[in-house]
Each structure stands twice: as structure tokens, then as C-alpha cells.
C-alpha atoms as a PDB file:
ATOM      1  CA  MET A   1     -35.064 -23.996 209.590  1.00  0.00           C
ATOM      2  CA  THR A   2     -32.129 -21.760 208.859  1.00  0.00           C
ATOM      3  CA  ASN A   3     -32.494 -19.506 205.857  1.00  0.00           C
ATOM      4  CA  LYS A   4     -30.262 -20.862 203.059  1.00  0.00           C
ATOM      5  CA  PHE A   5     -29.838 -17.343 201.657  1.00  0.00           C
ATOM      6  CA  PRO A   6     -29.116 -15.053 204.679  1.00  0.00           C
ATOM      7  CA  TYR A   7     -27.329 -12.342 202.714  1.00  0.00           C
ATOM      8  CA  ALA A   8     -29.722 -12.408 199.786  1.00  0.00           C
ATOM      9  CA  GLU A   9     -32.611 -11.660 202.127  1.00  0.00           C
ATOM     10  CA  ASP A  10     -31.287  -8.180 202.928  1.00  0.00           C
ATOM     11  CA  VAL A  11     -30.970  -7.440 199.216  1.00  0.00           C
ATOM     12  CA  VAL A  12     -34.340  -8.712 198.067  1.00  0.00           C
ATOM     13  CA  ASP A  13     -36.161  -6.900 200.867  1.00  0.00           C
ATOM     14  CA  CYS A  14     -35.221  -3.633 199.136  1.00  0.00           C
ATOM     15  CA  ILE A  15     -36.897  -4.699 195.883  1.00  0.00           C
ATOM     16  CA  ASP A  16     -40.427  -3.559 195.128  1.00  0.00           C
ATOM     17  CA  ASN A  17     -41.264  -7.003 193.760  1.00  0.00           C
ATOM     18  CA  GLY A  18     -42.213 -10.246 195.390  1.00  0.00           C
ATOM     19  CA  VAL A  19     -39.289 -12.664 195.710  1.00  0.00           C
ATOM     20  CA  PHE A  20     -39.361 -16.158 197.196  1.00  0.00           C
ATOM     21  CA  VAL A  21     -37.342 -19.340 196.776  1.00  0.00           C
ATOM     22  CA  VAL A  22     -38.543 -22.953 196.843  1.00  0.00           C
ATOM     23  CA  ASP A  23     -36.738 -26.253 196.427  1.00  0.00           C
ATOM     24  CA  LYS A  24     -37.899 -29.267 194.415  1.00  0.00           C
ATOM     25  CA  ASN A  25     -40.167 -30.305 197.295  1.00  0.00           C
ATOM     26  CA  PHE A  26     -41.711 -26.782 197.262  1.00  0.00           C
ATOM     27  CA  LYS A  27     -40.272 -25.964 200.685  1.00  0.00           C
ATOM     28  CA  VAL A  28     -39.794 -22.209 201.141  1.00  0.00           C
ATOM     29  CA  HIS A  29     -36.190 -20.989 201.694  1.00  0.00           C
ATOM     30  CA  LEU A  30     -36.559 -17.245 201.166  1.00  0.00           C
ATOM     31  CA  TRP A  31     -39.500 -14.850 201.525  1.00  0.00           C
ATOM     32  CA  ASN A  32     -38.935 -11.118 201.075  1.00  0.00           C
ATOM     33  CA  ASP A  33     -40.741  -8.166 202.630  1.00  0.00           C
ATOM     34  CA  PHE A  34     -43.013  -7.681 199.598  1.00  0.00           C
ATOM     35  CA  MET A  35     -44.364 -11.218 200.091  1.00  0.00           C
ATOM     36  CA  SER A  36     -44.745 -10.674 203.835  1.00  0.00           C
ATOM     37  CA  ILE A  37     -46.644  -7.405 203.367  1.00  0.00           C
ATOM     38  CA  HIS A  38     -49.104  -8.812 200.807  1.00  0.00           C
ATOM     39  CA  SER A  39     -49.605 -12.249 202.339  1.00  0.00           C
ATOM     40  CA  ARG A  40     -50.521 -13.373 205.833  1.00  0.00           C
ATOM     41  CA  PHE A  41     -47.074 -14.911 206.436  1.00  0.00           C
ATOM     42  CA  SER A  42     -43.843 -13.290 207.577  1.00  0.00           C
ATOM     43  CA  ALA A  43     -40.503 -14.777 206.538  1.00  0.00           C
ATOM     44  CA  ASP A  44     -40.017 -16.288 210.017  1.00  0.00           C
ATOM     45  CA  GLN A  45     -43.403 -17.983 209.800  1.00  0.00           C
ATOM     46  CA  ILE A  46     -43.145 -19.500 206.335  1.00  0.00           C
ATOM     47  CA  ILE A  47     -39.496 -20.389 205.769  1.00  0.00           C
ATOM     48  CA  GLY A  48     -39.120 -24.139 206.167  1.00  0.00           C
ATOM     49  CA  LEU A  49     -42.778 -24.846 205.369  1.00  0.00           C
ATOM     50  CA  LYS A  50     -44.188 -26.211 202.124  1.00  0.00           C
ATOM     51  CA  LEU A  51     -45.712 -23.530 199.936  1.00  0.00           C
ATOM     52  CA  PHE A  52     -48.969 -25.359 199.190  1.00  0.00           C
ATOM     53  CA  GLU A  53     -49.629 -26.025 202.857  1.00  0.00           C
ATOM     54  CA  CYS A  54     -49.616 -22.269 203.445  1.00  0.00           C
ATOM     55  CA  PHE A  55     -51.403 -21.381 200.199  1.00  0.00           C
ATOM     56  CA  PRO A  56     -53.780 -24.219 199.240  1.00  0.00           C
ATOM     57  CA  GLU A  57     -55.554 -21.889 196.802  1.00  0.00           C
ATOM     58  CA  LEU A  58     -52.495 -21.674 194.513  1.00  0.00           C
ATOM     59  CA  PRO A  59     -52.768 -23.317 191.061  1.00  0.00           C
ATOM     60  CA  GLN A  60     -50.751 -26.286 192.312  1.00  0.00           C
ATOM     61  CA  LYS A  61     -50.528 -28.405 189.151  1.00  0.00           C
ATOM     62  CA  TRP A  62     -49.561 -25.426 187.024  1.00  0.00           C
ATOM     63  CA  PHE A  63     -46.971 -24.229 189.551  1.00  0.00           C
ATOM     64  CA  GLU A  64     -45.488 -27.708 189.911  1.00  0.00           C
ATOM     65  CA  ARG A  65     -45.079 -27.997 186.136  1.00  0.00           C
ATOM     66  CA  LYS A  66     -43.334 -24.605 185.983  1.00  0.00           C
ATOM     67  CA  VAL A  67     -40.885 -25.450 188.770  1.00  0.00           C
ATOM     68  CA  LYS A  68     -40.169 -28.960 187.461  1.00  0.00           C
ATOM     69  CA  SER A  69     -39.438 -27.526 184.006  1.00  0.00           C
ATOM     70  CA  ILE A  70     -36.793 -25.248 185.583  1.00  0.00           C
ATOM     71  CA  TYR A  71     -35.095 -28.253 187.201  1.00  0.00           C
ATOM     72  CA  LEU A  72     -35.242 -30.163 183.914  1.00  0.00           C
ATOM     73  CA  LEU A  73     -34.263 -27.459 181.409  1.00  0.00           C
ATOM     74  CA  LYS A  74     -32.118 -25.289 183.710  1.00  0.00           C
ATOM     75  CA  ASN A  75     -33.495 -22.187 182.029  1.00  0.00           C
ATOM     76  CA  GLN A  76     -35.437 -19.174 183.198  1.00  0.00           C
ATOM     77  CA  SER A  77     -39.180 -19.130 182.484  1.00  0.00           C
ATOM     78  CA  TYR A  78     -41.602 -16.229 182.341  1.00  0.00           C
ATOM     79  CA  THR A  79     -45.383 -15.919 182.647  1.00  0.00           C
ATOM     80  CA  SER A  80     -47.200 -12.644 181.956  1.00  0.00           C
ATOM     81  CA  TRP A  81     -50.459 -11.448 183.460  1.00  0.00           C
ATOM     82  CA  GLU A  82     -52.081 -11.973 180.054  1.00  0.00           C
ATOM     83  CA  GLN A  83     -51.373 -15.704 180.312  1.00  0.00           C
ATOM     84  CA  ARG A  84     -52.320 -15.972 183.987  1.00  0.00           C
ATOM     85  CA  PRO A  85     -53.630 -12.822 185.712  1.00  0.00           C
ATOM     86  CA  TYR A  86     -52.010 -13.661 189.045  1.00  0.00           C
ATOM     87  CA  LEU A  87     -50.224 -16.378 190.996  1.00  0.00           C
ATOM     88  CA  PHE A  88     -51.115 -15.143 194.467  1.00  0.00           C
ATOM     89  CA  LYS A  89     -54.523 -13.597 195.039  1.00  0.00           C
ATOM     90  CA  PHE A  90     -53.093 -10.418 196.562  1.00  0.00           C
ATOM     91  CA  PRO A  91     -55.072  -7.174 196.935  1.00  0.00           C
ATOM     92  CA  HIS A  92     -53.870  -4.516 194.490  1.00  0.00           C
ATOM     93  CA  GLY A  93     -53.834  -1.675 197.016  1.00  0.00           C
ATOM     94  CA  ARG A  94     -55.143   0.914 194.528  1.00  0.00           C
ATOM     95  CA  SER A  95     -57.641   3.506 195.703  1.00  0.00           C
ATOM     96  CA  VAL A  96     -59.228   3.436 192.241  1.00  0.00           C
ATOM     97  CA  THR A  97     -59.784  -0.173 191.226  1.00  0.00           C
ATOM     98  CA  GLY A  98     -60.148   0.244 187.469  1.00  0.00           C
ATOM     99  CA  GLY A  99     -62.623  -2.615 187.539  1.00  0.00           C
ATOM    100  CA  VAL A 100     -60.197  -5.252 188.859  1.00  0.00           C
ATOM    101  CA  GLU A 101     -60.392  -7.094 192.181  1.00  0.00           C
ATOM    102  CA  HIS A 102     -56.843  -8.383 192.611  1.00  0.00           C
ATOM    103  CA  MET A 103     -53.239  -7.539 191.827  1.00  0.00           C
ATOM    104  CA  TYR A 104     -52.161  -8.461 188.310  1.00  0.00           C
ATOM    105  CA  GLN A 105     -48.746 -10.119 188.286  1.00  0.00           C
ATOM    106  CA  ASN A 106     -45.912 -11.040 185.950  1.00  0.00           C
ATOM    107  CA  CYS A 107     -43.985 -14.053 187.229  1.00  0.00           C
ATOM    108  CA  CYS A 108     -40.395 -15.044 186.516  1.00  0.00           C
ATOM    109  CA  PHE A 109     -38.934 -18.436 187.483  1.00  0.00           C
ATOM    110  CA  THR A 110     -35.128 -18.492 187.745  1.00  0.00           C
ATOM    111  CA  PRO A 111     -32.902 -21.503 188.528  1.00  0.00           C
ATOM    112  CA  ILE A 112     -30.400 -21.247 191.397  1.00  0.00           C
ATOM    113  CA  PHE A 113     -27.407 -23.540 190.849  1.00  0.00           C
ATOM    114  CA  ASP A 114     -25.161 -25.318 193.312  1.00  0.00           C
ATOM    115  CA  LEU A 115     -21.389 -25.682 192.900  1.00  0.00           C
ATOM    116  CA  ASP A 116     -21.854 -28.673 190.588  1.00  0.00           C
ATOM    117  CA  ASN A 117     -24.114 -26.649 188.250  1.00  0.00           C
ATOM    118  CA  ASN A 118     -27.207 -28.527 189.301  1.00  0.00           C
ATOM    119  CA  VAL A 119     -30.409 -26.664 190.028  1.00  0.00           C
ATOM    120  CA  GLU A 120     -30.691 -26.479 193.798  1.00  0.00           C
ATOM    121  CA  CYS A 121     -33.707 -24.161 194.106  1.00  0.00           C
ATOM    122  CA  VAL A 122     -35.986 -21.969 192.063  1.00  0.00           C
ATOM    123  CA  CYS A 123     -36.366 -18.248 192.668  1.00  0.00           C
ATOM    124  CA  VAL A 124     -39.793 -16.851 191.799  1.00  0.00           C
ATOM    125  CA  THR A 125     -40.145 -13.122 191.191  1.00  0.00           C
ATOM    126  CA  ILE A 126     -43.546 -11.459 191.185  1.00  0.00           C
ATOM    127  CA  LYS A 127     -43.981  -8.017 189.671  1.00  0.00           C
ATOM    128  CA  ASN A 128     -47.091  -5.952 190.372  1.00  0.00           C
ATOM    129  CA  VAL A 129     -48.347  -4.868 186.933  1.00  0.00           C
ATOM    130  CA  THR A 130     -51.885  -3.890 187.935  1.00  0.00           C
ATOM    131  CA  ASP A 131     -51.626  -0.373 186.479  1.00  0.00           C
ATOM    132  CA  LEU A 132     -50.267  -1.724 183.190  1.00  0.00           C
ATOM    133  CA  ALA A 133     -52.944  -4.409 183.007  1.00  0.00           C
ATOM    134  CA  ILE A 134     -55.750  -1.929 183.685  1.00  0.00           C
ATOM    135  CA  LYS A 135     -54.497   0.424 180.972  1.00  0.00           C
ATOM    136  CA  ALA A 136     -54.152  -2.464 178.523  1.00  0.00           C
ATOM    137  CA  LYS A 137     -57.661  -3.697 179.288  1.00  0.00           C
ATOM    138  CA  GLN A 138     -59.073  -0.187 178.957  1.00  0.00           C
ATOM    139  CA  LEU A 139     -57.319   0.238 175.620  1.00  0.00           C
ATOM    140  CA  LYS A 140     -58.637  -3.115 174.411  1.00  0.00           C
ATOM    141  CA  ASP A 141     -62.166  -2.187 175.499  1.00  0.00           C
ATOM    142  CA  ALA A 142     -61.866   1.160 173.727  1.00  0.00           C
ATOM    143  CA  VAL A 143     -60.712  -0.529 170.513  1.00  0.00           C
ATOM    144  CA  VAL A 144     -63.634  -2.978 170.683  1.00  0.00           C
ATOM    145  CA  GLN A 145     -66.046  -0.107 171.273  1.00  0.00           C
ATOM    146  CA  LEU A 146     -64.621   1.892 168.366  1.00  0.00           C
ATOM    147  CA  GLU A 147     -64.838  -1.144 166.092  1.00  0.00           C
ATOM    148  CA  HIS A 148     -68.454  -1.587 167.137  1.00  0.00           C
ATOM    149  CA  ILE A 149     -69.275   2.081 166.565  1.00  0.00           C
ATOM    150  CA  SER A 150     -67.612   2.038 163.153  1.00  0.00           C
ATOM    151  CA  SER A 151     -69.758  -0.920 162.082  1.00  0.00           C
ATOM    152  CA  ILE A 152     -73.139   0.378 163.269  1.00  0.00           C
ATOM    153  CA  ASP A 153     -75.632   2.710 161.614  1.00  0.00           C
ATOM    154  CA  GLY A 154     -76.259   5.481 164.134  1.00  0.00           C
ATOM    155  CA  LEU A 155     -80.001   5.820 163.507  1.00  0.00           C
ATOM    156  CA  THR A 156     -81.216   2.225 163.318  1.00  0.00           C
ATOM    157  CA  GLN A 157     -78.401   0.531 165.307  1.00  0.00           C
ATOM    158  CA  LEU A 158     -78.205  -2.064 162.550  1.00  0.00           C
ATOM    159  CA  TYR A 159     -74.972  -2.822 160.738  1.00  0.00           C
ATOM    160  CA  ASN A 160     -73.977  -0.114 158.270  1.00  0.00           C
ATOM    161  CA  ARG A 161     -73.530  -0.921 154.608  1.00  0.00           C
ATOM    162  CA  ALA A 162     -69.759  -1.347 154.622  1.00  0.00           C
ATOM    163  CA  HIS A 163     -69.739  -3.753 157.559  1.00  0.00           C
ATOM    164  CA  TRP A 164     -72.777  -5.667 156.349  1.00  0.00           C
ATOM    165  CA  GLU A 165     -71.278  -6.140 152.873  1.00  0.00           C
ATOM    166  CA  GLN A 166     -68.039  -7.441 154.369  1.00  0.00           C
ATOM    167  CA  ARG A 167     -69.984  -9.917 156.524  1.00  0.00           C
ATOM    168  CA  PHE A 168     -72.011 -10.999 153.491  1.00  0.00           C
ATOM    169  CA  LYS A 169     -68.885 -11.430 151.380  1.00  0.00           C
ATOM    170  CA  THR A 170     -67.347 -13.622 154.085  1.00  0.00           C
ATOM    171  CA  GLU A 171     -70.522 -15.696 154.318  1.00  0.00           C
ATOM    172  CA  VAL A 172     -70.633 -16.255 150.552  1.00  0.00           C
ATOM    173  CA  GLU A 173     -67.013 -17.442 150.665  1.00  0.00           C
ATOM    174  CA  ARG A 174     -68.016 -19.883 153.400  1.00  0.00           C
ATOM    175  CA  VAL A 175     -70.922 -21.085 151.258  1.00  0.00           C
ATOM    176  CA  LYS A 176     -68.531 -21.766 148.375  1.00  0.00           C
ATOM    177  CA  ARG A 177     -66.145 -23.673 150.598  1.00  0.00           C
ATOM    178  CA  TYR A 178     -68.721 -25.902 152.282  1.00  0.00           C
ATOM    179  CA  LYS A 179     -71.228 -26.076 149.395  1.00  0.00           C
ATOM    180  CA  SER A 180     -74.055 -24.785 151.567  1.00  0.00           C
ATOM    181  CA  LYS A 181     -76.655 -22.072 150.974  1.00  0.00           C
ATOM    182  CA  VAL A 182     -77.256 -18.455 151.856  1.00  0.00           C
ATOM    183  CA  SER A 183     -80.327 -16.397 151.020  1.00  0.00           C
ATOM    184  CA  LEU A 184     -80.586 -12.650 150.669  1.00  0.00           C
ATOM    185  CA  ILE A 185     -83.528 -10.317 151.299  1.00  0.00           C
ATOM    186  CA  MET A 186     -83.478  -6.652 150.309  1.00  0.00           C
ATOM    187  CA  PHE A 187     -86.389  -4.312 150.893  1.00  0.00           C
ATOM    188  CA  ASP A 188     -87.192  -0.658 150.452  1.00  0.00           C
ATOM    189  CA  MET A 189     -89.783   1.409 152.342  1.00  0.00           C
ATOM    190  CA  ASP A 190     -92.604   2.459 150.007  1.00  0.00           C
ATOM    191  CA  HIS A 191     -93.282   6.190 149.436  1.00  0.00           C
ATOM    192  CA  PHE A 192     -90.747   7.148 152.098  1.00  0.00           C
ATOM    193  CA  LYS A 193     -90.236  10.622 150.642  1.00  0.00           C
ATOM    194  CA  LYS A 194     -93.973  11.306 151.086  1.00  0.00           C
ATOM    195  CA  ILE A 195     -93.692  10.357 154.753  1.00  0.00           C
ATOM    196  CA  ASN A 196     -90.866  12.853 155.230  1.00  0.00           C
ATOM    197  CA  ASP A 197     -92.733  15.535 153.284  1.00  0.00           C
ATOM    198  CA  GLN A 198     -96.034  15.015 155.119  1.00  0.00           C
ATOM    199  CA  TYR A 199     -94.885  14.298 158.681  1.00  0.00           C
ATOM    200  CA  GLY A 200     -91.316  15.613 158.776  1.00  0.00           C
ATOM    201  CA  HIS A 201     -87.902  13.979 158.980  1.00  0.00           C
ATOM    202  CA  LEU A 202     -88.300  13.052 162.646  1.00  0.00           C
ATOM    203  CA  ALA A 203     -91.274  10.947 161.659  1.00  0.00           C
ATOM    204  CA  GLY A 204     -89.206   9.394 158.896  1.00  0.00           C
ATOM    205  CA  ASP A 205     -86.475   8.591 161.398  1.00  0.00           C
ATOM    206  CA  LYS A 206     -88.988   6.889 163.676  1.00  0.00           C
ATOM    207  CA  VAL A 207     -90.288   4.815 160.771  1.00  0.00           C
ATOM    208  CA  LEU A 208     -86.763   3.607 160.025  1.00  0.00           C
ATOM    209  CA  LYS A 209     -86.002   2.854 163.677  1.00  0.00           C
ATOM    210  CA  GLN A 210     -89.234   0.914 164.188  1.00  0.00           C
ATOM    211  CA  THR A 211     -88.673  -0.987 160.968  1.00  0.00           C
ATOM    212  CA  ALA A 212     -85.232  -1.978 162.236  1.00  0.00           C
ATOM    213  CA  GLU A 213     -86.744  -3.126 165.552  1.00  0.00           C
ATOM    214  CA  ARG A 214     -89.324  -5.244 163.747  1.00  0.00           C
ATOM    215  CA  CYS A 215     -86.551  -6.882 161.739  1.00  0.00           C
ATOM    216  CA  LEU A 216     -84.567  -7.653 164.873  1.00  0.00           C
ATOM    217  CA  ASN A 217     -87.630  -9.217 166.488  1.00  0.00           C
ATOM    218  CA  LEU A 218     -88.414 -11.357 163.445  1.00  0.00           C
ATOM    219  CA  PHE A 219     -85.076 -12.703 162.269  1.00  0.00           C
ATOM    220  CA  ARG A 220     -82.822 -15.255 163.925  1.00  0.00           C
ATOM    221  CA  SER A 221     -79.641 -14.312 165.748  1.00  0.00           C
ATOM    222  CA  VAL A 222     -77.598 -15.901 162.940  1.00  0.00           C
ATOM    223  CA  ASP A 223     -79.275 -13.714 160.303  1.00  0.00           C
ATOM    224  CA  VAL A 224     -77.328 -10.517 159.622  1.00  0.00           C
ATOM    225  CA  ILE A 225     -79.350  -7.328 159.161  1.00  0.00           C
ATOM    226  CA  GLY A 226     -78.056  -4.053 157.784  1.00  0.00           C
ATOM    227  CA  ARG A 227     -79.189  -0.653 156.628  1.00  0.00           C
ATOM    228  CA  TYR A 228     -78.079  -0.605 153.023  1.00  0.00           C
ATOM    229  CA  GLY A 229     -78.711   3.077 152.477  1.00  0.00           C
ATOM    230  CA  GLY A 230     -81.496   5.602 152.971  1.00  0.00           C
ATOM    231  CA  GLU A 231     -84.705   3.610 153.437  1.00  0.00           C
ATOM    232  CA  GLU A 232     -83.285   0.349 152.053  1.00  0.00           C
ATOM    233  CA  PHE A 233     -82.479  -2.641 154.259  1.00  0.00           C
ATOM    234  CA  CYS A 234     -80.775  -5.981 153.655  1.00  0.00           C
ATOM    235  CA  ILE A 235     -80.677  -9.319 155.469  1.00  0.00           C
ATOM    236  CA  PHE A 236     -78.732 -12.447 154.663  1.00  0.00           C
ATOM    237  CA  LEU A 237     -79.903 -15.772 156.050  1.00  0.00           C
ATOM    238  CA  PRO A 238     -77.275 -18.523 156.373  1.00  0.00           C
ATOM    239  CA  GLU A 239     -78.291 -22.113 155.638  1.00  0.00           C
ATOM    240  CA  THR A 240     -81.700 -21.053 154.306  1.00  0.00           C
ATOM    241  CA  ASP A 241     -83.225 -22.199 151.025  1.00  0.00           C
ATOM    242  CA  ILE A 242     -85.362 -20.094 148.692  1.00  0.00           C
ATOM    243  CA  THR A 243     -88.679 -21.591 149.881  1.00  0.00           C
ATOM    244  CA  ASN A 244     -88.131 -20.693 153.530  1.00  0.00           C
ATOM    245  CA  THR A 245     -86.744 -17.310 152.543  1.00  0.00           C
ATOM    246  CA  GLY A 246     -89.969 -16.590 150.678  1.00  0.00           C
ATOM    247  CA  LEU A 247     -92.013 -17.464 153.772  1.00  0.00           C
ATOM    248  CA  VAL A 248     -89.872 -15.178 155.948  1.00  0.00           C
ATOM    249  CA  ALA A 249     -90.024 -12.361 153.382  1.00  0.00           C
ATOM    250  CA  GLU A 250     -93.816 -12.527 153.295  1.00  0.00           C
ATOM    251  CA  LYS A 251     -93.967 -12.527 157.094  1.00  0.00           C
ATOM    252  CA  LEU A 252     -91.703  -9.475 157.125  1.00  0.00           C
ATOM    253  CA  ARG A 253     -93.953  -7.696 154.637  1.00  0.00           C
ATOM    254  CA  HIS A 254     -96.964  -8.251 156.898  1.00  0.00           C
ATOM    255  CA  ILE A 255     -95.140  -7.184 160.058  1.00  0.00           C
ATOM    256  CA  ILE A 256     -94.212  -3.915 158.370  1.00  0.00           C
ATOM    257  CA  ALA A 257     -97.541  -3.200 156.653  1.00  0.00           C
ATOM    258  CA  ASP A 258    -100.047  -4.422 159.225  1.00  0.00           C
ATOM    259  CA  THR A 259     -98.918  -2.197 162.099  1.00  0.00           C
ATOM    260  CA  PRO A 260     -98.753   1.587 161.647  1.00  0.00           C
ATOM    261  CA  VAL A 261     -96.076   3.709 163.293  1.00  0.00           C
ATOM    262  CA  ASN A 262     -97.363   6.090 165.967  1.00  0.00           C
ATOM    263  CA  PHE A 263     -95.876   9.573 165.789  1.00  0.00           C
ATOM    264  CA  LYS A 264     -97.227  12.505 167.802  1.00  0.00           C
ATOM    265  CA  SER A 265    -100.666  10.898 168.179  1.00  0.00           C
ATOM    266  CA  LYS A 266    -100.806  10.135 164.465  1.00  0.00           C
ATOM    267  CA  GLU A 267    -100.729   6.755 162.779  1.00  0.00           C
ATOM    268  CA  ILE A 268     -98.342   6.490 159.838  1.00  0.00           C
ATOM    269  CA  PHE A 269     -99.193   3.550 157.613  1.00  0.00           C
ATOM    270  CA  ILE A 270     -96.143   2.047 155.972  1.00  0.00           C
ATOM    271  CA  SER A 271     -95.271  -0.790 153.646  1.00  0.00           C
ATOM    272  CA  ALA A 272     -92.222  -2.253 151.955  1.00  0.00           C
ATOM    273  CA  SER A 273     -91.305  -3.749 148.613  1.00  0.00           C
ATOM    274  CA  ILE A 274     -89.186  -6.875 149.004  1.00  0.00           C
ATOM    275  CA  GLY A 275     -86.866  -8.780 146.706  1.00  0.00           C
ATOM    276  CA  PHE A 276     -85.055 -11.978 147.588  1.00  0.00           C
ATOM    277  CA  THR A 277     -82.772 -14.595 146.098  1.00  0.00           C
ATOM    278  CA  CYS A 278     -80.660 -17.576 147.088  1.00  0.00           C
ATOM    279  CA  SER A 279     -77.206 -18.864 146.226  1.00  0.00           C
ATOM    280  CA  SER A 280     -76.848 -21.773 143.839  1.00  0.00           C
ATOM    281  CA  GLU A 281     -74.106 -24.148 142.773  1.00  0.00           C
ATOM    282  CA  LYS A 282     -73.645 -22.096 139.605  1.00  0.00           C
ATOM    283  CA  GLU A 283     -73.632 -18.638 141.154  1.00  0.00           C
ATOM    284  CA  ASN A 284     -72.163 -17.825 144.564  1.00  0.00           C
ATOM    285  CA  ASN A 285     -70.731 -14.398 143.882  1.00  0.00           C
ATOM    286  CA  TYR A 286     -71.831 -11.946 146.561  1.00  0.00           C
ATOM    287  CA  GLU A 287     -72.098  -9.018 144.139  1.00  0.00           C
ATOM    288  CA  THR A 288     -74.308 -11.060 141.829  1.00  0.00           C
ATOM    289  CA  LEU A 289     -76.575 -12.067 144.707  1.00  0.00           C
ATOM    290  CA  ILE A 290     -76.959  -8.422 145.732  1.00  0.00           C
ATOM    291  CA  LYS A 291     -77.838  -7.489 142.157  1.00  0.00           C
ATOM    292  CA  GLU A 292     -80.386 -10.315 141.960  1.00  0.00           C
ATOM    293  CA  ALA A 293     -82.141  -9.266 145.156  1.00  0.00           C
ATOM    294  CA  ASP A 294     -82.040  -5.622 144.099  1.00  0.00           C
ATOM    295  CA  ASP A 295     -83.475  -6.465 140.674  1.00  0.00           C
ATOM    296  CA  ALA A 296     -86.307  -8.394 142.363  1.00  0.00           C
ATOM    297  CA  LEU A 297     -86.927  -5.418 144.646  1.00  0.00           C
ATOM    298  CA  TYR A 298     -87.130  -3.134 141.601  1.00  0.00           C
ATOM    299  CA  ILE A 299     -89.720  -5.461 140.054  1.00  0.00           C
ATOM    300  CA  ALA A 300     -91.757  -5.403 143.286  1.00  0.00           C
ATOM    301  CA  LYS A 301     -91.843  -1.601 143.225  1.00  0.00           C
ATOM    302  CA  ASN A 302     -92.769  -1.497 139.523  1.00  0.00           C
ATOM    303  CA  ASN A 303     -95.554  -4.024 140.087  1.00  0.00           C
ATOM    304  CA  GLY A 304     -97.314  -1.793 142.619  1.00  0.00           C
ATOM    305  CA  ARG A 305     -95.217  -2.040 145.813  1.00  0.00           C
ATOM    306  CA  ASN A 306     -96.025  -3.795 149.109  1.00  0.00           C
ATOM    307  CA  GLN A 307     -95.157  -7.234 147.726  1.00  0.00           C
ATOM    308  CA  CYS A 308     -92.413  -9.847 147.697  1.00  0.00           C
ATOM    309  CA  ILE A 309     -90.653 -10.954 144.533  1.00  0.00           C
ATOM    310  CA  ASN A 310     -88.484 -14.062 144.222  1.00  0.00           C
ATOM    311  CA  PHE A 311     -85.713 -13.293 141.727  1.00  0.00           C
ATOM    312  CA  LEU A 312     -85.539 -16.918 140.661  1.00  0.00           C
ATOM    313  CA  ASP A 313     -89.235 -16.896 139.793  1.00  0.00           C
ATOM    314  CA  SER A 314     -88.944 -13.575 137.970  1.00  0.00           C
ATOM    315  CA  THR A 315     -86.396 -15.037 135.543  1.00  0.00           C
ATOM    316  CA  SER A 316     -87.910 -18.514 135.156  1.00  0.00           C
ATOM    317  CA  ASP A 317     -89.466 -17.652 131.784  1.00  0.00           C
ATOM    318  CA  ASP A 318     -86.201 -16.371 130.311  1.00  0.00           C
END
């Protein structure tokens, strides 16, 4: 078949973008050097053939919709690499891959009109944006990593107080909206200062890290655990009533107290005082729930430590 655009071919071959033209039957009428270099077809080989016969791996339904919309609306259409990473699975040609396997592409679909102002063909332009895409992905990954770092306590790798409180506040708002429940456990390591004084701060750090690990092993993935400050920890348990929270709190107390922490061939016996509470229809304020759990924790410490106190039980006689 004779090329319908003989003069255009010389122009588009100078462009460092892919350019090809198809008609409404997806027959190829122009194929520039960029397309020849990155595909297995030269212009002489592909012009006159149907695009999908040469490239069966193309997203045919998507491409057909794009081209048909150009014929219908007579307007240019654009697709970025963020919407669809590539149209043709071309190699990117970079010596350093940046973690990508193929060329990222922006695609532009432009109508070509005949003398009667009807769309005769569609010109598709492909721009290699691999470098841009890699930088954007690296920036996005860096932002995600920074957000993660800013939310994590460096020692225990649990959520830090600020992030945990924000998560808890959001959960309490959800509880209000859907009239569900959330329980809160707060606990404090008993006689932690004595551990630091007797064994040193490295021993204290190991106690905190192992306590965090025991929490992670005990609680569900939906439960959110944080280091509230110093040797104090907090956990909120979505969709959990006060009875089940009490059972979990008691199990936590045993896991902490029954297994000593080994440090430099020495066994450090530890325990924790635990307070817990649960939301109710009357009170679903996150600050109030924190105060309730903290008040119960204070009672547990005053009563001799190494015990669990239910705030609701502690106020039942009032």
C-alpha cells in the first residue's frame, strides 16, 4: 500500500517520539523511525497492515475505545504514563534501570481531517518518559518512607504517640458514626527505673523492645499498638467489647510477667500494670477514653502493680 502521508514521513522521522497513523479499521498508514527502532517492524513492513495483527499484545479494547472516541468527538485525547504505564512494551534502553522493565510512555491521540472536516485517520504520538516516571516513583517512595519514619518510634518500631493518637481519634470518630465499639488498653512497665539503675539503659532498651515484640505477637493485625511515652504503651482494639478486652489484657499481663528478658546472661524479671476501658453510647470521646484507661492504670499501680484494672468496674460503686 502506498503511504498516505509521504511528505509527513520525512518530518516525523526527525522527531524523538513515536509517531504512527491508523484509520478507523486500525490499518497503519504511517510509521516513523522511532517506532521502527523500538519495534520489530520497519515502515515498509507494517504500513498497510492492521495494527493488532502485528501487535496482538496491545490493549485492544482500550485502544479501540480511544480511537473511536477521536472519530466521534473530533478532539485530541491524552493518556499519561500514570494512567497506563505504556502502550507498546518497548525496552527503555537505559543502562541503569531504576527498577523498571519497560519504557514508560505518554500517548497523544490526534484527529487528522479530510477536506470535508471529517476525521480520516488518527495520529498517535508516543513520548518516552521513562526518566520522568522513575524520578516520580522514587520521589513517591521517598515520601512514603518519610511518612513511615515520622510515625514510628525508633526504639520499639511501634507507632509513636502522635501517630497513634491520630489513628485512635479517627477510630473513635468511626465508632460514633457506625455505633460500634472500640476498646483501649494502656499499660506501664513496673519498676522500670530500677531496671535502668541496676542493669543499665541498654538493658532497659531491650526490655522495651521485647515488650513491643510480645505485643505484636499477641494482638491482631487490626489492633493498633503504640509507645505512648517512656515505658508506657497503648493499644486500641476495634470492634471489641469490654469482656474480651479484659481477657486479652490478662493474657498480655501473663506474657509480660511470665517470661524474663535475657540480657548479658542475666534474667531480668519484668511485669506491667494494665488499665483498660471501652467506648459506650454515652461516651465516645477519644480523650475521655484515654483518661479512663490511664486512671485504671494508675489504680493498678496503686493496688500493688502487675495486675489489670477495668475502668468500668473501678467506678461501678460511684
